[in-house]
Protein backbone atom coordinates (compact mmCIF):
# COMPACT_ATOMS: atom_id res chain seq x y z
CA UNK A 1 94.64 90.78 80.05
CA UNK A 2 93.39 87.17 78.19
CA UNK A 3 92.97 84.58 80.31
CA UNK A 4 94.77 82.57 77.84
CA UNK A 5 97.74 84.93 79.00
CA UNK A 6 97.50 84.57 82.58
CA UNK A 7 97.72 80.96 81.70
CA UNK A 8 100.22 81.32 80.20
CA UNK A 9 101.76 83.23 82.54
CA UNK A 10 101.04 80.33 85.32
CA UNK A 11 102.83 77.75 83.42
CA UNK A 12 105.44 79.51 82.70
CA UNK A 13 106.38 80.50 86.77
CA UNK A 14 105.27 77.19 87.87
CA UNK A 15 108.08 75.72 84.78
CA UNK A 16 110.47 78.03 86.66
CA UNK A 17 109.72 76.78 90.15
CA UNK A 18 110.03 73.54 89.58
CA UNK A 19 113.47 74.37 88.75
CA UNK A 20 114.31 76.93 90.70
CA UNK A 21 116.69 75.16 93.53
CA UNK A 22 118.83 74.26 91.28
CA UNK A 23 119.33 78.15 89.63
CA UNK A 24 118.74 80.59 92.48
CA UNK A 25 119.88 80.32 96.05
CA UNK A 26 117.44 80.04 99.00
CA UNK A 27 118.09 83.39 100.55
CA UNK A 28 116.95 86.68 99.73
CA UNK A 29 119.44 90.59 100.30
CA UNK A 30 117.92 93.77 101.04
CA UNK A 31 118.54 96.61 100.08
CA UNK A 32 120.99 96.87 103.64
CA UNK A 33 122.94 94.24 101.50
CA UNK A 34 121.62 91.86 105.07
CA UNK A 35 120.86 88.61 104.31
CA UNK A 36 117.96 86.43 105.00
CA UNK A 37 118.68 82.64 104.42
CA UNK A 38 114.83 80.66 103.98
CA UNK A 39 116.55 77.62 104.00
CA UNK A 40 116.22 74.76 100.99
CA UNK A 41 112.55 73.88 100.72
CA UNK A 42 111.93 77.81 99.81
CA UNK A 43 112.85 78.67 96.30
CA UNK A 44 114.24 82.40 95.37
CA UNK A 45 113.89 84.40 92.43
CA UNK A 46 115.26 87.48 90.69
CA UNK A 47 112.08 89.98 90.64
CA UNK A 48 113.10 90.41 86.91
CA UNK A 49 112.90 87.21 85.93
CA UNK A 50 109.07 86.08 87.03
CA UNK A 51 105.89 87.76 85.78
CA UNK A 52 104.73 90.23 87.69
CA UNK A 53 108.36 91.53 89.79
CA UNK A 54 108.97 91.77 85.42
CA UNK A 55 106.33 94.26 85.06
CA UNK A 56 107.19 95.99 88.24
CA UNK A 57 110.78 96.30 86.61
CA UNK A 58 109.83 97.39 82.85
CA UNK A 59 108.09 99.90 84.67
CA UNK A 60 110.59 101.20 86.71
CA UNK A 61 113.00 101.34 83.46
CA UNK A 62 110.49 102.92 81.49
CA UNK A 63 107.07 104.22 82.70
CA UNK A 64 106.39 107.37 83.77
CA UNK A 65 107.43 106.52 87.46
CA UNK A 66 107.08 109.99 89.78
CA UNK A 67 103.99 110.37 87.61
CA UNK A 68 102.29 107.28 88.59
CA UNK A 69 102.90 108.59 92.26
CA UNK A 70 101.40 111.81 92.20
CA UNK A 71 98.24 110.25 90.76
CA UNK A 72 98.25 107.55 93.62
CA UNK A 73 98.99 110.13 96.81
CA UNK A 74 96.62 112.81 95.15
CA UNK A 75 93.27 110.40 95.12
CA UNK A 76 94.25 109.37 98.32
CA UNK A 77 94.24 113.12 99.17
CA UNK A 78 97.77 113.42 100.95
CA UNK A 79 98.65 116.24 98.21
CA UNK A 80 96.25 118.33 96.42
CA UNK A 81 96.34 118.07 92.32
CA UNK A 82 99.11 119.42 91.03
CA UNK A 83 100.82 120.52 94.50
CA UNK A 84 104.58 121.12 94.09
CA UNK A 85 105.52 119.73 96.96
CA UNK A 86 103.43 116.68 95.40
CA UNK A 87 106.14 116.36 92.86
CA UNK A 88 109.43 117.06 95.12
CA UNK A 89 107.63 114.31 97.46
CA UNK A 90 107.14 111.54 94.02
CA UNK A 91 110.77 112.94 92.73
CA UNK A 92 112.84 111.52 95.72
CA UNK A 93 110.22 108.59 96.66
CA UNK A 94 110.70 107.59 92.41
CA UNK A 95 114.42 107.77 93.17
CA UNK A 96 114.32 105.28 96.15
CA UNK A 97 112.11 102.59 93.75
CA UNK A 98 114.07 102.82 91.45
CA UNK A 99 117.05 101.34 93.31
CA UNK A 100 114.81 98.64 95.27
CA UNK A 101 115.38 94.90 95.21
CA UNK A 102 112.14 92.57 94.46
CA UNK A 103 111.90 88.65 94.18
CA UNK A 104 110.07 86.52 94.08
CA UNK A 105 109.56 83.80 96.65
CA UNK A 106 108.36 80.00 96.41
CA UNK A 107 107.41 77.01 97.67
CA UNK A 108 105.15 73.22 97.30
CA UNK A 109 103.83 71.38 99.87
CA UNK A 110 101.32 69.09 101.18
CA UNK A 111 99.84 69.27 97.24
CA UNK A 112 99.86 73.02 97.97
CA UNK A 113 101.30 75.90 95.86
CA UNK A 114 102.44 78.97 98.12
CA UNK A 115 104.22 81.85 96.07
CA UNK A 116 105.09 85.58 97.42
CA UNK A 117 106.87 88.69 96.16
CA UNK A 118 109.43 90.74 97.70
CA UNK A 119 110.10 94.53 97.87
CA UNK A 120 113.19 95.94 99.58
CA UNK A 121 114.03 99.94 99.84
CA UNK A 122 116.60 101.66 101.54
CA UNK A 123 115.66 105.00 102.45
CA UNK A 124 118.99 107.41 103.38
CA UNK A 125 117.96 109.93 106.07
CA UNK A 126 118.67 112.91 103.40
CA UNK A 127 115.71 111.55 101.82
CA UNK A 128 113.98 110.96 104.40
CA UNK A 129 114.29 114.47 105.73
CA UNK A 130 112.64 115.44 102.33
CA UNK A 131 110.01 112.90 102.16
CA UNK A 132 108.36 114.60 106.02
CA UNK A 133 109.34 118.02 105.24
CA UNK A 134 107.20 117.73 101.76
CA UNK A 135 104.39 116.21 103.93
CA UNK A 136 104.67 119.12 106.80
CA UNK A 137 104.63 121.82 103.80
CA UNK A 138 101.36 119.49 102.29
CA UNK A 139 99.60 120.06 105.63
CA UNK A 140 100.75 123.46 106.38
CA UNK A 141 98.98 123.70 103.11
CA UNK A 142 95.59 122.63 103.93
CA UNK A 143 95.29 124.30 107.39
CA UNK A 144 96.96 127.60 107.47
CA UNK A 145 97.92 129.15 110.95
CA UNK A 146 97.32 132.72 112.11
CA UNK A 147 99.18 133.88 114.80
CA UNK A 148 97.53 134.70 118.16
CA UNK A 149 99.40 137.86 119.01
CA UNK A 150 98.74 139.45 115.09
CA UNK A 151 94.45 138.05 115.86
CA UNK A 152 94.82 139.90 119.68
CA UNK A 153 96.87 143.04 118.60
CA UNK A 154 94.98 143.86 115.64
CA UNK A 155 91.27 143.22 117.99
CA UNK A 156 92.86 145.97 120.74
CA UNK A 157 93.88 148.17 118.01
CA UNK A 158 90.46 148.22 116.56
CA UNK A 159 88.70 148.16 120.13
CA UNK A 160 91.04 151.40 121.04
CA UNK A 161 90.31 153.32 117.73
CA UNK A 162 87.02 152.33 116.47
CA UNK A 163 84.60 155.38 116.10
CA UNK A 164 86.91 157.50 118.37
CA UNK A 165 86.95 161.55 117.09
CA UNK A 166 90.09 164.04 117.94
CA UNK A 167 89.45 164.61 121.26
CA UNK A 168 88.70 167.73 123.24
CA UNK A 169 91.69 169.02 125.43
CA UNK A 170 89.30 168.50 129.07
CA UNK A 171 89.37 164.93 127.38
CA UNK A 172 92.36 164.08 126.55
CA UNK A 173 93.71 163.06 130.29
CA UNK A 174 90.43 160.50 131.01
CA UNK A 175 90.93 159.42 127.34
CA UNK A 176 94.65 158.70 128.42
CA UNK A 177 93.53 157.07 130.62
CA UNK A 178 91.42 154.45 128.98
CA UNK A 179 93.35 153.63 126.20
CA UNK A 180 96.47 152.85 128.53
CA UNK A 181 94.47 150.75 130.04
CA UNK A 182 93.02 148.96 126.69
CA UNK A 183 97.17 148.58 126.26
CA UNK A 184 97.25 147.24 129.19
CA UNK A 185 94.64 144.79 128.68
CA UNK A 186 96.22 144.31 125.35
CA UNK A 187 99.62 143.46 126.32
CA UNK A 188 98.31 140.78 128.83
CA UNK A 189 96.04 138.98 126.86
CA UNK A 190 99.57 139.41 124.55
CA UNK A 191 102.08 137.68 127.06
CA UNK A 192 99.01 134.46 128.19
CA UNK A 193 98.90 133.79 124.41
CA UNK A 194 102.59 133.48 124.25
CA UNK A 195 102.58 131.96 126.84
CA UNK A 196 99.58 129.30 125.52
CA UNK A 197 101.56 128.74 122.66
CA UNK A 198 105.33 127.96 123.63
CA UNK A 199 103.11 125.35 125.78
CA UNK A 200 101.57 124.04 122.63
CA UNK A 201 104.50 123.95 120.79
CA UNK A 202 106.77 122.36 123.49
CA UNK A 203 103.41 119.58 124.19
CA UNK A 204 103.87 118.87 120.09
CA UNK A 205 107.37 118.84 120.14
CA UNK A 206 107.43 116.12 122.76
CA UNK A 207 104.77 114.47 120.87
CA UNK A 208 106.63 114.43 117.97
CA UNK A 209 109.96 113.28 119.59
CA UNK A 210 107.61 110.53 120.65
CA UNK A 211 106.49 109.27 117.85
CA UNK A 212 109.99 109.17 116.77
CA UNK A 213 111.63 107.71 119.36
CA UNK A 214 109.00 104.88 119.29
CA UNK A 215 108.50 104.88 114.76
CA UNK A 216 105.20 103.00 114.94
CA UNK A 217 104.19 100.73 117.32
CA UNK A 218 101.14 99.71 115.71
CA UNK A 219 100.84 98.50 112.49
CA UNK A 220 96.89 99.62 112.80
CA UNK A 221 97.37 103.31 112.77
CA UNK A 222 99.07 103.24 109.31
CA UNK A 223 96.62 100.92 108.06
CA UNK A 224 93.62 102.36 109.49
CA UNK A 225 95.51 106.39 107.50
CA UNK A 226 95.47 103.93 104.87
CA UNK A 227 92.17 102.85 105.16
CA UNK A 228 90.67 106.22 105.63
CA UNK A 229 92.44 107.74 102.29
CA UNK A 230 91.19 104.63 100.23
CA UNK A 231 87.87 104.12 100.90
CA UNK A 232 86.40 100.72 101.34
CA UNK A 233 89.32 99.28 98.64
CA UNK A 234 90.97 97.96 101.35
CA UNK A 235 89.55 96.13 104.34
CA UNK A 236 91.68 95.12 107.08
CA UNK A 237 90.73 92.22 108.66
CA UNK A 238 93.71 91.16 110.86
CA UNK A 239 97.00 93.06 112.17
CA UNK A 240 99.42 92.76 114.45
CA UNK A 241 101.79 95.03 116.91
CA UNK A 242 105.41 95.92 115.93
CA UNK A 243 108.10 93.96 117.65
CA UNK A 244 111.35 94.77 118.49
CA UNK A 245 113.29 92.19 118.06
CA UNK A 246 117.86 91.71 118.26
CA UNK A 247 118.65 88.19 115.90
CA UNK A 248 121.03 86.10 117.21
CA UNK A 249 124.15 87.76 114.96
CA UNK A 250 123.47 91.29 116.47
CA UNK A 251 121.09 93.12 113.92
CA UNK A 252 117.74 94.79 115.64
CA UNK A 253 115.07 94.62 113.60
CA UNK A 254 110.97 95.70 113.75
CA UNK A 255 109.12 93.35 112.14
CA UNK A 256 104.82 93.28 112.22
CA UNK A 257 101.98 92.19 109.89
CA UNK A 258 98.76 92.25 108.41
CA UNK A 259 95.93 90.46 106.67
CA UNK A 260 93.31 92.32 104.09
CA UNK A 261 90.83 91.87 101.38
CA UNK A 262 91.19 94.31 98.28
CA UNK A 263 88.42 95.03 96.45
CA UNK A 264 89.40 95.48 93.08
CA UNK A 265 86.33 95.05 90.03
CA UNK A 266 83.62 93.23 92.38
CA UNK A 267 86.44 90.52 92.89
CA UNK A 268 88.45 89.88 96.57
CA UNK A 269 91.66 89.40 96.70
CA UNK A 270 92.60 88.33 100.29
CA UNK A 271 96.71 89.77 100.95
CA UNK A 272 99.16 88.74 103.89
CA UNK A 273 101.92 90.76 103.81
CA UNK A 274 104.91 91.11 106.60
CA UNK A 275 107.20 94.39 106.90
CA UNK A 276 110.66 94.14 108.30
CA UNK A 277 112.79 97.87 109.20
CA UNK A 278 116.51 97.26 110.07
CA UNK A 279 118.72 100.33 109.98
CA UNK A 280 121.83 100.02 107.41
CA UNK A 281 124.46 102.80 108.10
CA UNK A 282 122.44 105.87 107.59
CA UNK A 283 119.43 104.52 106.26
CA UNK A 284 116.73 102.91 106.53
CA UNK A 285 115.89 99.22 105.01
CA UNK A 286 112.19 98.51 104.58
CA UNK A 287 111.62 95.17 103.19
CA UNK A 288 107.75 93.88 102.62
CA UNK A 289 106.52 90.43 101.53
CA UNK A 290 102.92 90.42 100.01
CA UNK A 291 101.32 87.18 99.37
CA UNK A 292 97.78 85.53 99.49
CA UNK A 293 96.60 84.96 102.21
CA UNK A 294 97.73 81.00 102.31
CA UNK A 295 100.87 81.86 100.98
CA UNK A 296 101.48 84.50 103.81
CA UNK A 297 101.25 82.07 106.34
CA UNK A 298 102.95 79.54 105.83
CA UNK A 299 105.87 81.66 104.51
CA UNK A 300 106.00 84.08 107.86
CA UNK A 301 107.70 81.49 109.88
CA UNK A 302 110.65 80.87 107.02
CA UNK A 303 111.42 84.55 107.06
CA UNK A 304 110.89 84.70 111.12
CA UNK A 305 113.45 82.52 111.45
CA UNK A 306 115.76 83.82 108.77
CA UNK A 307 115.56 87.10 110.49
CA UNK A 308 116.06 85.43 113.94
CA UNK A 309 119.72 84.31 112.19
CA UNK A 310 119.98 87.01 110.22
CA UNK A 311 123.04 89.37 110.95
CA UNK A 312 124.39 92.58 110.84
């Protein structure tokens, strides 16, 4: 994009912000219809009326949303290229994004202009199941499992029958005992491995249950995975633990934040992101504030206060 176009966009944004308090409310409504009142010193604009939000809005309406998501997931090695599971995941994700709510929040204080974008999406339990099934199927594709019983039985059969000719009459009884002993040994090995498999499945189930109950206790787990997938494009410099809280009006929520450096075409962009997770009916609501680090530090306190006062 040419410099003139960037300057024009910035000027337009400043003009909009200067009159924002007269044309927009100082609150946002999440995808779960939960209202966050940010106070009179913060201006809120609908995403489609802003420069970056408008581009996102146009992309959702006219762009190849599913194709873009598939490409991103393939580049991050989440799914193999042209995977059926990738297409299924992208289809559900695109549907979720198309119902997203987008805002721009901004403020002016201490001779400094602060701004950030807010994205809020609702993921139904049904859609979450579809997304997880696609991810699990992709993992199964990448790491096919060989059943222990099958391998043990095949090994036992080979050992018993390999190199055997038709036995003579006088050798039948002796070989019968040998075969019986081999079969007993194979059956014992099969039982031991079956028990081991049950124990492994039990441990995996307990671990999965523990993860589900705790969700994401440390945002670093997810961020480390993202950093691994995208190489050195995203450098995490600081992140908080997820905190479980309840507002004065009874809204349960989880929140955490992260600071990162995004490396793009020789530029280093300092980014702040604040995540908010709530529930609404049969859906989980994910709301994120993204800003430069200076703006994020300033706006963060207003979001924390809004969450403390939020209602169900």
